[in-house]
C-alpha atoms as a PDB file:
ATOM      1  CA  UNK A   1     -51.791  76.177  -9.735  1.00  0.00           C
ATOM      2  CA  UNK A   2     -49.325  78.016 -11.928  1.00  0.00           C
ATOM      3  CA  UNK A   3     -49.410  81.807 -12.043  1.00  0.00           C
ATOM      4  CA  UNK A   4     -47.806  83.711 -14.877  1.00  0.00           C
ATOM      5  CA  UNK A   5     -46.877  87.395 -14.731  1.00  0.00           C
ATOM      6  CA  UNK A   6     -45.729  89.302 -17.794  1.00  0.00           C
ATOM      7  CA  UNK A   7     -43.625  92.443 -17.722  1.00  0.00           C
ATOM      8  CA  UNK A   8     -41.584  94.592 -20.049  1.00  0.00           C
ATOM      9  CA  UNK A   9     -44.274  96.097 -22.214  1.00  0.00           C
ATOM     10  CA  UNK A  10     -44.419  99.789 -23.058  1.00  0.00           C
ATOM     11  CA  UNK A  11     -44.402 102.422 -25.759  1.00  0.00           C
ATOM     12  CA  UNK A  12     -41.689 102.265 -28.392  1.00  0.00           C
ATOM     13  CA  UNK A  13     -41.092 103.866 -31.766  1.00  0.00           C
ATOM     14  CA  UNK A  14     -41.234 101.897 -34.966  1.00  0.00           C
ATOM     15  CA  UNK A  15     -37.965 100.054 -35.489  1.00  0.00           C
ATOM     16  CA  UNK A  16     -37.273  99.859 -31.768  1.00  0.00           C
ATOM     17  CA  UNK A  17     -36.948  96.888 -29.433  1.00  0.00           C
ATOM     18  CA  UNK A  18     -38.553  95.547 -26.298  1.00  0.00           C
ATOM     19  CA  UNK A  19     -37.934  92.492 -24.168  1.00  0.00           C
ATOM     20  CA  UNK A  20     -40.903  90.855 -22.504  1.00  0.00           C
ATOM     21  CA  UNK A  21     -40.534  88.568 -19.509  1.00  0.00           C
ATOM     22  CA  UNK A  22     -42.933  85.988 -18.123  1.00  0.00           C
ATOM     23  CA  UNK A  23     -42.280  84.832 -14.575  1.00  0.00           C
ATOM     24  CA  UNK A  24     -43.975  81.684 -13.330  1.00  0.00           C
ATOM     25  CA  UNK A  25     -44.840  80.915  -9.739  1.00  0.00           C
ATOM     26  CA  UNK A  26     -46.923  78.398  -7.828  1.00  0.00           C
ATOM     27  CA  UNK A  27     -45.240  75.537  -9.606  1.00  0.00           C
ATOM     28  CA  UNK A  28     -42.432  74.777 -11.973  1.00  0.00           C
ATOM     29  CA  UNK A  29     -42.967  75.197 -15.687  1.00  0.00           C
ATOM     30  CA  UNK A  30     -39.674  73.607 -16.606  1.00  0.00           C
ATOM     31  CA  UNK A  31     -41.490  70.729 -18.319  1.00  0.00           C
ATOM     32  CA  UNK A  32     -44.143  72.913 -19.967  1.00  0.00           C
ATOM     33  CA  UNK A  33     -44.372  74.288 -23.457  1.00  0.00           C
ATOM     34  CA  UNK A  34     -44.453  78.070 -23.114  1.00  0.00           C
ATOM     35  CA  UNK A  35     -46.104  80.372 -25.601  1.00  0.00           C
ATOM     36  CA  UNK A  36     -46.527  84.048 -26.337  1.00  0.00           C
ATOM     37  CA  UNK A  37     -49.755  85.317 -27.856  1.00  0.00           C
ATOM     38  CA  UNK A  38     -51.080  88.771 -28.619  1.00  0.00           C
ATOM     39  CA  UNK A  39     -54.424  90.425 -29.037  1.00  0.00           C
ATOM     40  CA  UNK A  40     -55.059  93.736 -30.728  1.00  0.00           C
ATOM     41  CA  UNK A  41     -58.304  95.682 -30.203  1.00  0.00           C
ATOM     42  CA  UNK A  42     -61.164  94.112 -32.130  1.00  0.00           C
ATOM     43  CA  UNK A  43     -59.091  91.114 -33.150  1.00  0.00           C
ATOM     44  CA  UNK A  44     -58.783  87.541 -31.974  1.00  0.00           C
ATOM     45  CA  UNK A  45     -55.897  86.378 -29.848  1.00  0.00           C
ATOM     46  CA  UNK A  46     -53.139  85.146 -32.123  1.00  0.00           C
ATOM     47  CA  UNK A  47     -50.070  82.981 -31.762  1.00  0.00           C
ATOM     48  CA  UNK A  48     -46.691  84.743 -31.689  1.00  0.00           C
ATOM     49  CA  UNK A  49     -44.086  82.212 -30.556  1.00  0.00           C
ATOM     50  CA  UNK A  50     -43.598  79.064 -28.506  1.00  0.00           C
ATOM     51  CA  UNK A  51     -40.734  77.133 -27.011  1.00  0.00           C
ATOM     52  CA  UNK A  52     -40.535  73.579 -25.724  1.00  0.00           C
ATOM     53  CA  UNK A  53     -39.485  72.742 -22.216  1.00  0.00           C
ATOM     54  CA  UNK A  54     -35.921  71.987 -23.246  1.00  0.00           C
ATOM     55  CA  UNK A  55     -35.668  74.998 -25.495  1.00  0.00           C
ATOM     56  CA  UNK A  56     -34.872  72.667 -28.346  1.00  0.00           C
ATOM     57  CA  UNK A  57     -37.831  73.708 -30.468  1.00  0.00           C
ATOM     58  CA  UNK A  58     -39.015  77.250 -31.049  1.00  0.00           C
ATOM     59  CA  UNK A  59     -41.793  78.169 -33.473  1.00  0.00           C
ATOM     60  CA  UNK A  60     -42.817  81.609 -34.662  1.00  0.00           C
ATOM     61  CA  UNK A  61     -45.700  83.199 -36.474  1.00  0.00           C
ATOM     62  CA  UNK A  62     -44.692  84.259 -39.976  1.00  0.00           C
ATOM     63  CA  UNK A  63     -45.404  87.877 -39.092  1.00  0.00           C
ATOM     64  CA  UNK A  64     -42.650  87.954 -36.454  1.00  0.00           C
ATOM     65  CA  UNK A  65     -40.142  85.460 -37.833  1.00  0.00           C
ATOM     66  CA  UNK A  66     -36.687  86.980 -38.026  1.00  0.00           C
ATOM     67  CA  UNK A  67     -37.616  89.841 -35.677  1.00  0.00           C
ATOM     68  CA  UNK A  68     -38.701  88.122 -32.456  1.00  0.00           C
ATOM     69  CA  UNK A  69     -36.811  85.552 -30.398  1.00  0.00           C
ATOM     70  CA  UNK A  70     -38.265  83.404 -27.653  1.00  0.00           C
ATOM     71  CA  UNK A  71     -36.068  81.927 -24.942  1.00  0.00           C
ATOM     72  CA  UNK A  72     -36.383  80.458 -21.493  1.00  0.00           C
ATOM     73  CA  UNK A  73     -34.434  80.089 -18.281  1.00  0.00           C
ATOM     74  CA  UNK A  74     -35.825  77.082 -16.430  1.00  0.00           C
ATOM     75  CA  UNK A  75     -33.684  77.801 -13.383  1.00  0.00           C
ATOM     76  CA  UNK A  76     -35.480  81.133 -13.050  1.00  0.00           C
ATOM     77  CA  UNK A  77     -38.869  79.803 -14.168  1.00  0.00           C
ATOM     78  CA  UNK A  78     -38.936  82.623 -16.718  1.00  0.00           C
ATOM     79  CA  UNK A  79     -39.616  82.928 -20.426  1.00  0.00           C
ATOM     80  CA  UNK A  80     -38.561  85.867 -22.571  1.00  0.00           C
ATOM     81  CA  UNK A  81     -39.628  87.397 -25.843  1.00  0.00           C
ATOM     82  CA  UNK A  82     -37.055  89.654 -27.457  1.00  0.00           C
ATOM     83  CA  UNK A  83     -38.806  91.859 -29.993  1.00  0.00           C
ATOM     84  CA  UNK A  84     -36.730  93.760 -32.517  1.00  0.00           C
ATOM     85  CA  UNK A  85     -37.582  95.937 -35.512  1.00  0.00           C
ATOM     86  CA  UNK A  86     -41.001  96.570 -34.037  1.00  0.00           C
ATOM     87  CA  UNK A  87     -43.770  97.753 -36.322  1.00  0.00           C
ATOM     88  CA  UNK A  88     -47.038  99.578 -35.571  1.00  0.00           C
ATOM     89  CA  UNK A  89     -48.903  96.381 -36.439  1.00  0.00           C
ATOM     90  CA  UNK A  90     -47.182  94.679 -33.491  1.00  0.00           C
ATOM     91  CA  UNK A  91     -49.243  96.860 -31.153  1.00  0.00           C
ATOM     92  CA  UNK A  92     -51.284  94.579 -28.900  1.00  0.00           C
ATOM     93  CA  UNK A  93     -51.604  93.117 -25.452  1.00  0.00           C
ATOM     94  CA  UNK A  94     -49.069  90.316 -25.181  1.00  0.00           C
ATOM     95  CA  UNK A  95     -49.878  87.234 -23.135  1.00  0.00           C
ATOM     96  CA  UNK A  96     -47.716  84.447 -21.813  1.00  0.00           C
ATOM     97  CA  UNK A  97     -49.206  80.955 -21.609  1.00  0.00           C
ATOM     98  CA  UNK A  98     -48.172  77.510 -20.413  1.00  0.00           C
ATOM     99  CA  UNK A  99     -49.190  74.079 -21.602  1.00  0.00           C
ATOM    100  CA  UNK A 100     -48.336  70.750 -20.039  1.00  0.00           C
ATOM    101  CA  UNK A 101     -48.756  68.699 -23.200  1.00  0.00           C
ATOM    102  CA  UNK A 102     -47.468  68.644 -26.767  1.00  0.00           C
ATOM    103  CA  UNK A 103     -46.772  71.899 -28.561  1.00  0.00           C
ATOM    104  CA  UNK A 104     -49.599  73.773 -30.208  1.00  0.00           C
ATOM    105  CA  UNK A 105     -50.225  77.218 -31.604  1.00  0.00           C
ATOM    106  CA  UNK A 106     -53.902  77.197 -30.621  1.00  0.00           C
ATOM    107  CA  UNK A 107     -54.514  79.529 -27.670  1.00  0.00           C
ATOM    108  CA  UNK A 108     -57.495  77.550 -26.334  1.00  0.00           C
ATOM    109  CA  UNK A 109     -55.241  74.536 -25.811  1.00  0.00           C
ATOM    110  CA  UNK A 110     -53.071  76.300 -23.228  1.00  0.00           C
ATOM    111  CA  UNK A 111     -53.665  75.625 -19.554  1.00  0.00           C
ATOM    112  CA  UNK A 112     -52.419  78.790 -17.821  1.00  0.00           C
ATOM    113  CA  UNK A 113     -52.358  82.462 -18.812  1.00  0.00           C
ATOM    114  CA  UNK A 114     -50.871  85.665 -17.551  1.00  0.00           C
ATOM    115  CA  UNK A 115     -52.756  88.946 -17.321  1.00  0.00           C
ATOM    116  CA  UNK A 116     -50.994  90.468 -20.309  1.00  0.00           C
ATOM    117  CA  UNK A 117     -48.705  93.419 -20.937  1.00  0.00           C
ATOM    118  CA  UNK A 118     -49.407  96.237 -23.378  1.00  0.00           C
ATOM    119  CA  UNK A 119     -47.017  96.868 -26.246  1.00  0.00           C
ATOM    120  CA  UNK A 120     -47.584 100.006 -28.285  1.00  0.00           C
ATOM    121  CA  UNK A 121     -45.489 100.815 -31.337  1.00  0.00           C
ATOM    122  CA  UNK A 122     -45.764 104.345 -32.687  1.00  0.00           C
ATOM    123  CA  UNK A 123     -45.102 105.161 -36.321  1.00  0.00           C
END
């Protein structure tokens, strides 16, 4: 059973940066597709970014393209989300997820989830 733990969230001003980390334990995720999702109050969970096991493919939601970068370190069993030029509309709980099969942006198709980390962007 894979456990995922996110960290790095916090309060930042508009235009600032944060780096989220997702550490996996209980198994290796080196062959998994890893994704970041977010959920704002009253809204559905939405796709943010994903990366394949090799790091060769990274996809982003249009709303974060050019501002966020996903990366992974398989030796450390950790995935990162570098978030730059943050906007108030980026405020949400950010979740890390892992999937053993082909890439997808659909949250219900992921097998494992972290507990989430809050990101708040003030205007």
